[in-house]
Amino acid sequence: MADQSNKGGKKPVKRLAMKGKSKPKGDFSKPKKKKGDPLPSFSDEVRLNKYIANAGICSRREADVLIKTGVVEVNGKTITEMGYKVKPGDEVRYDGAIIRAEKKQYVLLNKPKNFITTMEDPQGRKTAYELVAKACKERIYPVGRLDRNTTGLLLFTNDGDLAKKLTHPRYQVSKLYHVSLNKPIDVDTLNSLTQGVTLDDGSFVKADKVELIADSKNKEAGIELHSGKNRVVRRMFEAVGFTVVKLDRVKFAHLTKKDLPRGEYRHLTEKEVSFLKMS
């Protein structure tokens, strides 16, 4: 294909080396957050009703009733105050018995193809949850989704606050994908994805950065974006006349696939969890 890097005087899309088909390298900088968008607070303290709910006793609303009736104690003291917060190391008792909140778990899976991102499937198809079911005794849930034919990073957790942050568009959590296309793509078309395209439902979306992958005959690219729309990468390329034949998520927030083979999982380190909460 002829060099189109100077066509129309537009800034060229850089070619991106991808050794071993693992992850694109380069300066995929995180988009700036809008001013005035506060990040959620992740404190070690937790509201008493949530603590009780996380221990599997009942729902938060039902926990409020228990607290009001005076059957909940913290460090030997009966608590009837709504909004009371439990600190690390506090002893919580319900009806005289010690209760403990469910331990927070964070499991990163490198999802293979042909696994759907649901907990169960009435049609009997393979689910991503089956691959992490033995990772911990706690019930963990996927953060966002990858469609059946998309491979790559998928985070599971029972930390609802963190999951909410990572999927909320306000916080612009970036995802990086390795895309393989059905035909060569030219530079101008690739650049148009960063300028924005209109999807089939009329919504407008744009990539944060897109780069061709070196030695791919212009049929592979790395694309970074923070949109959480359903099948957004496939739909963006469809909007400019291309079909995605392979799609692999190689980065989620700061998490990568390094040393994580396809179909395997690992637990996040405390440092990784802290970074997710602070970023």
Protein backbone atom coordinates (compact mmCIF):
# COMPACT_ATOMS: atom_id res chain seq x y z
CA MET A 1 0.00 0.00 0.00
CA ALA A 2 1.33 3.42 -0.87
CA ASP A 3 2.46 5.72 1.90
CA GLN A 4 -0.48 7.97 2.79
CA SER A 5 1.10 9.65 5.79
CA ASN A 6 1.02 13.09 4.21
CA LYS A 7 -2.29 12.84 2.41
CA GLY A 8 -4.32 15.97 2.93
CA GLY A 9 -1.59 17.38 5.15
CA LYS A 10 -2.92 15.48 8.15
CA LYS A 11 -0.78 14.23 10.96
CA PRO A 12 0.13 10.62 10.20
CA VAL A 13 -0.90 7.67 12.28
CA LYS A 14 2.24 6.07 13.65
CA ARG A 15 3.06 2.48 12.98
CA LEU A 16 3.16 0.44 16.12
CA ALA A 17 5.32 -2.63 16.66
CA MET A 18 3.58 -5.58 18.27
CA LYS A 19 5.99 -8.32 19.22
CA GLY A 20 4.38 -11.68 19.77
CA LYS A 21 0.86 -10.30 19.23
CA SER A 22 0.67 -9.30 22.89
CA LYS A 23 0.07 -5.61 23.43
CA PRO A 24 0.74 -2.40 21.57
CA LYS A 25 3.47 -0.18 22.89
CA GLY A 26 3.61 3.54 22.76
CA ASP A 27 2.37 6.65 24.42
CA PHE A 28 -1.27 5.82 25.04
CA SER A 29 -1.77 8.62 27.51
CA LYS A 30 -4.89 8.76 29.66
CA PRO A 31 -7.42 11.39 28.58
CA LYS A 32 -7.83 14.37 30.83
CA LYS A 33 -10.76 14.28 33.21
CA LYS A 34 -13.20 17.11 33.20
CA LYS A 35 -12.66 19.66 35.91
CA GLY A 36 -15.05 19.37 38.78
CA ASP A 37 -15.52 15.60 38.46
CA PRO A 38 -14.62 14.29 41.93
CA LEU A 39 -13.23 10.80 42.29
CA PRO A 40 -15.04 8.47 44.68
CA SER A 41 -13.67 8.07 48.17
CA PHE A 42 -12.41 4.63 49.20
CA SER A 43 -12.14 4.63 53.01
CA ASP A 44 -11.29 1.68 55.23
CA GLU A 45 -14.38 2.59 57.24
CA VAL A 46 -17.72 1.19 56.13
CA ARG A 47 -21.29 1.96 57.13
CA LEU A 48 -22.64 -0.55 59.62
CA ASN A 49 -25.64 -1.51 57.48
CA LYS A 50 -23.34 -2.21 54.54
CA TYR A 51 -21.01 -4.24 56.77
CA ILE A 52 -23.93 -6.40 57.87
CA ALA A 53 -25.14 -6.81 54.29
CA ASN A 54 -21.64 -7.73 53.11
CA ALA A 55 -21.55 -10.44 55.76
CA GLY A 56 -24.55 -12.04 54.06
CA ILE A 57 -26.96 -11.49 56.96
CA CYS A 58 -29.54 -9.48 55.03
CA SER A 59 -30.00 -6.50 52.73
CA ARG A 60 -28.90 -2.98 53.73
CA ARG A 61 -32.50 -1.90 54.26
CA GLU A 62 -33.15 -4.90 56.50
CA ALA A 63 -29.88 -4.15 58.32
CA ASP A 64 -31.20 -0.68 59.15
CA VAL A 65 -34.16 -2.34 60.90
CA LEU A 66 -31.83 -4.61 62.88
CA ILE A 67 -29.76 -1.63 63.98
CA LYS A 68 -32.84 0.30 65.08
CA THR A 69 -34.09 -2.64 67.16
CA GLY A 70 -30.81 -2.73 69.10
CA VAL A 71 -29.58 -6.23 68.21
CA VAL A 72 -26.28 -5.07 66.72
CA GLU A 73 -23.20 -4.36 68.82
CA VAL A 74 -19.83 -2.89 67.91
CA ASN A 75 -17.00 -3.49 70.38
CA GLY A 76 -19.52 -4.45 73.06
CA LYS A 77 -21.65 -1.34 72.64
CA THR A 78 -25.19 -1.47 71.23
CA ILE A 79 -25.44 0.73 68.13
CA THR A 80 -28.75 2.24 67.04
CA GLU A 81 -27.29 5.19 65.12
CA MET A 82 -28.04 5.23 61.40
CA GLY A 83 -24.89 5.87 59.39
CA TYR A 84 -22.51 4.54 62.05
CA LYS A 85 -19.22 3.48 60.49
CA VAL A 86 -17.24 0.37 61.32
CA LYS A 87 -13.45 0.70 61.45
CA PRO A 88 -10.88 -1.99 60.67
CA GLY A 89 -10.44 -4.23 63.72
CA ASP A 90 -13.89 -3.48 65.18
CA GLU A 91 -15.80 -6.46 66.53
CA VAL A 92 -19.36 -6.54 65.22
CA ARG A 93 -21.99 -8.80 66.75
CA TYR A 94 -25.52 -9.56 65.62
CA ASP A 95 -27.79 -11.16 68.21
CA GLY A 96 -24.69 -12.01 70.23
CA ALA A 97 -22.76 -13.75 67.44
CA ILE A 98 -19.67 -12.25 65.79
CA ILE A 99 -20.14 -11.43 62.09
CA ARG A 100 -17.47 -10.64 59.55
CA ALA A 101 -17.84 -8.77 56.30
CA GLU A 102 -17.03 -10.65 53.14
CA LYS A 103 -13.40 -10.36 52.12
CA LYS A 104 -12.87 -8.23 49.02
CA GLN A 105 -11.47 -10.18 46.10
CA TYR A 106 -9.96 -8.89 42.84
CA VAL A 107 -9.31 -11.44 40.09
CA LEU A 108 -7.95 -10.66 36.62
CA LEU A 109 -8.78 -13.10 33.81
CA ASN A 110 -7.31 -13.33 30.31
CA LYS A 111 -10.55 -14.39 28.65
CA PRO A 112 -10.41 -16.84 25.73
CA LYS A 113 -12.71 -16.73 22.72
CA ASN A 114 -16.17 -18.36 22.87
CA PHE A 115 -16.81 -17.55 26.54
CA ILE A 116 -19.67 -15.19 27.35
CA THR A 117 -19.50 -12.62 30.13
CA THR A 118 -22.41 -13.76 32.29
CA MET A 119 -22.59 -15.67 35.56
CA GLU A 120 -24.88 -18.33 34.12
CA ASP A 121 -26.31 -19.09 30.69
CA PRO A 122 -29.70 -20.77 30.09
CA GLN A 123 -28.43 -21.98 26.72
CA GLY A 124 -25.57 -23.85 28.32
CA ARG A 125 -22.80 -21.84 26.68
CA LYS A 126 -19.42 -21.52 28.37
CA THR A 127 -19.14 -18.53 30.70
CA ALA A 128 -16.12 -16.53 31.79
CA TYR A 129 -17.18 -17.03 35.40
CA GLU A 130 -16.52 -20.78 35.07
CA LEU A 131 -12.84 -19.93 34.57
CA VAL A 132 -12.57 -18.00 37.86
CA ALA A 133 -15.11 -19.88 39.98
CA LYS A 134 -12.36 -21.56 42.01
CA ALA A 135 -10.31 -18.38 42.50
CA CYS A 136 -11.95 -17.65 45.86
CA LYS A 137 -14.89 -18.72 48.02
CA GLU A 138 -16.57 -15.35 47.60
CA ARG A 139 -18.95 -14.75 44.72
CA ILE A 140 -17.24 -12.35 42.30
CA TYR A 141 -18.71 -10.52 39.33
CA PRO A 142 -17.30 -9.20 36.05
CA VAL A 143 -16.53 -5.50 35.75
CA GLY A 144 -18.06 -4.59 32.41
CA ARG A 145 -18.28 -7.05 29.55
CA LEU A 146 -16.38 -8.60 26.68
CA ASP A 147 -18.50 -10.17 23.96
CA ARG A 148 -18.24 -13.85 23.17
CA ASN A 149 -15.67 -13.47 20.39
CA THR A 150 -13.53 -10.86 22.15
CA THR A 151 -10.52 -12.04 24.13
CA GLY A 152 -8.38 -10.36 26.75
CA LEU A 153 -8.52 -8.75 30.15
CA LEU A 154 -11.63 -9.05 32.27
CA LEU A 155 -11.66 -8.08 35.95
CA PHE A 156 -13.85 -9.86 38.51
CA THR A 157 -14.55 -8.53 41.99
CA ASN A 158 -17.09 -8.37 44.82
CA ASP A 159 -16.10 -4.76 45.53
CA GLY A 160 -19.19 -2.95 44.30
CA ASP A 161 -17.79 0.54 44.91
CA LEU A 162 -14.73 -0.11 42.78
CA ALA A 163 -16.74 -1.84 40.06
CA LYS A 164 -19.04 1.17 39.87
CA LYS A 165 -16.10 3.52 39.48
CA LEU A 166 -14.41 1.44 36.79
CA THR A 167 -17.55 1.25 34.66
CA HIS A 168 -18.83 4.81 35.12
CA PRO A 169 -18.04 7.05 32.11
CA ARG A 170 -17.28 10.01 34.39
CA TYR A 171 -13.97 8.47 35.48
CA GLN A 172 -12.77 7.69 31.96
CA VAL A 173 -11.06 4.37 32.68
CA SER A 174 -9.07 3.57 29.56
CA LYS A 175 -9.04 0.30 27.66
CA LEU A 176 -6.52 -0.67 25.00
CA TYR A 177 -7.38 -3.16 22.25
CA HIS A 178 -5.49 -5.00 19.54
CA VAL A 179 -7.74 -5.02 16.48
CA SER A 180 -7.43 -7.22 13.38
CA LEU A 181 -9.46 -6.09 10.36
CA ASN A 182 -10.91 -7.80 7.30
CA LYS A 183 -8.95 -5.53 4.90
CA PRO A 184 -6.21 -2.88 4.93
CA ILE A 185 -7.17 0.45 6.41
CA ASP A 186 -5.77 3.76 5.22
CA VAL A 187 -4.34 6.45 7.45
CA ASP A 188 -7.11 8.99 6.95
CA THR A 189 -9.80 6.49 7.90
CA LEU A 190 -7.88 5.47 10.99
CA ASN A 191 -7.42 9.11 11.97
CA SER A 192 -11.18 9.66 11.65
CA LEU A 193 -11.74 7.38 14.65
CA THR A 194 -10.00 9.88 16.93
CA GLN A 195 -12.08 12.68 15.45
CA GLY A 196 -15.23 10.70 16.22
CA VAL A 197 -17.80 8.61 14.40
CA THR A 198 -21.55 8.14 14.64
CA LEU A 199 -22.61 4.63 15.62
CA ASP A 200 -25.60 2.69 14.33
CA ASP A 201 -27.78 3.95 17.19
CA GLY A 202 -26.98 7.59 16.42
CA SER A 203 -24.57 8.08 19.34
CA PHE A 204 -21.23 9.79 18.81
CA VAL A 205 -17.99 8.29 20.10
CA LYS A 206 -14.29 8.79 19.48
CA ALA A 207 -11.07 7.00 20.30
CA ASP A 208 -8.40 8.56 22.50
CA LYS A 209 -5.63 7.21 20.28
CA VAL A 210 -5.30 4.83 17.32
CA GLU A 211 -2.10 3.51 15.76
CA LEU A 212 -1.28 1.06 12.99
CA ILE A 213 0.70 -1.98 14.02
CA ALA A 214 3.96 -2.44 12.18
CA ASP A 215 4.32 -5.32 9.70
CA SER A 216 0.58 -6.01 9.71
CA LYS A 217 -0.03 -4.94 6.09
CA ASN A 218 -2.28 -2.17 7.44
CA LYS A 219 -4.81 -4.72 8.72
CA GLU A 220 -4.07 -4.41 12.46
CA ALA A 221 -4.22 -1.50 14.87
CA GLY A 222 -4.04 -0.56 18.52
CA ILE A 223 -6.98 1.53 19.71
CA GLU A 224 -7.37 3.15 23.12
CA LEU A 225 -10.65 4.54 24.37
CA HIS A 226 -12.61 5.01 27.57
CA SER A 227 -16.13 4.48 26.25
CA GLY A 228 -18.03 1.62 27.84
CA LYS A 229 -20.66 1.26 25.12
CA ASN A 230 -21.63 -2.25 24.11
CA ARG A 231 -19.36 -3.68 21.36
CA VAL A 232 -18.02 -0.15 20.88
CA VAL A 233 -14.77 -1.05 19.07
CA ARG A 234 -16.48 -3.32 16.54
CA ARG A 235 -19.20 -0.72 15.94
CA MET A 236 -16.68 2.10 15.47
CA PHE A 237 -14.87 0.21 12.73
CA GLU A 238 -18.18 -0.83 11.17
CA ALA A 239 -19.10 2.87 11.03
CA VAL A 240 -16.11 3.48 8.71
CA GLY A 241 -16.68 0.40 6.57
CA PHE A 242 -14.54 -2.28 8.22
CA THR A 243 -15.20 -5.57 9.97
CA VAL A 244 -13.25 -6.58 13.07
CA VAL A 245 -12.19 -10.21 12.68
CA LYS A 246 -10.21 -10.42 15.93
CA LEU A 247 -10.40 -8.23 19.02
CA ASP A 248 -8.20 -8.55 22.08
CA ARG A 249 -8.24 -6.27 25.14
CA VAL A 250 -4.61 -5.96 26.14
CA LYS A 251 -4.90 -3.29 28.81
CA PHE A 252 -7.57 -2.29 31.32
CA ALA A 253 -6.79 0.83 33.37
CA HIS A 254 -3.13 0.13 34.30
CA LEU A 255 -3.53 -3.67 34.24
CA THR A 256 -1.86 -5.63 31.43
CA LYS A 257 -1.67 -9.23 30.21
CA LYS A 258 1.98 -9.62 31.20
CA ASP A 259 2.66 -13.19 32.42
CA LEU A 260 -1.04 -14.06 32.17
CA PRO A 261 -1.70 -16.78 29.56
CA ARG A 262 -5.02 -17.02 27.74
CA GLY A 263 -7.64 -18.75 29.91
CA GLU A 264 -5.71 -18.16 33.14
CA TYR A 265 -6.36 -15.74 36.01
CA ARG A 266 -4.46 -14.13 38.85
CA HIS A 267 -5.29 -12.13 41.97
CA LEU A 268 -4.40 -8.45 41.96
CA THR A 269 -1.74 -7.25 44.35
CA GLU A 270 -2.57 -4.75 47.10
CA LYS A 271 -0.60 -2.16 45.16
CA GLU A 272 -2.66 -2.75 42.01
CA VAL A 273 -5.93 -2.48 43.94
CA SER A 274 -4.80 0.75 45.60
CA PHE A 275 -3.81 2.18 42.22
CA LEU A 276 -7.23 1.33 40.77
CA LYS A 277 -8.94 3.12 43.64
CA MET A 278 -6.73 6.20 43.37
CA SER A 279 -6.50 6.55 39.58
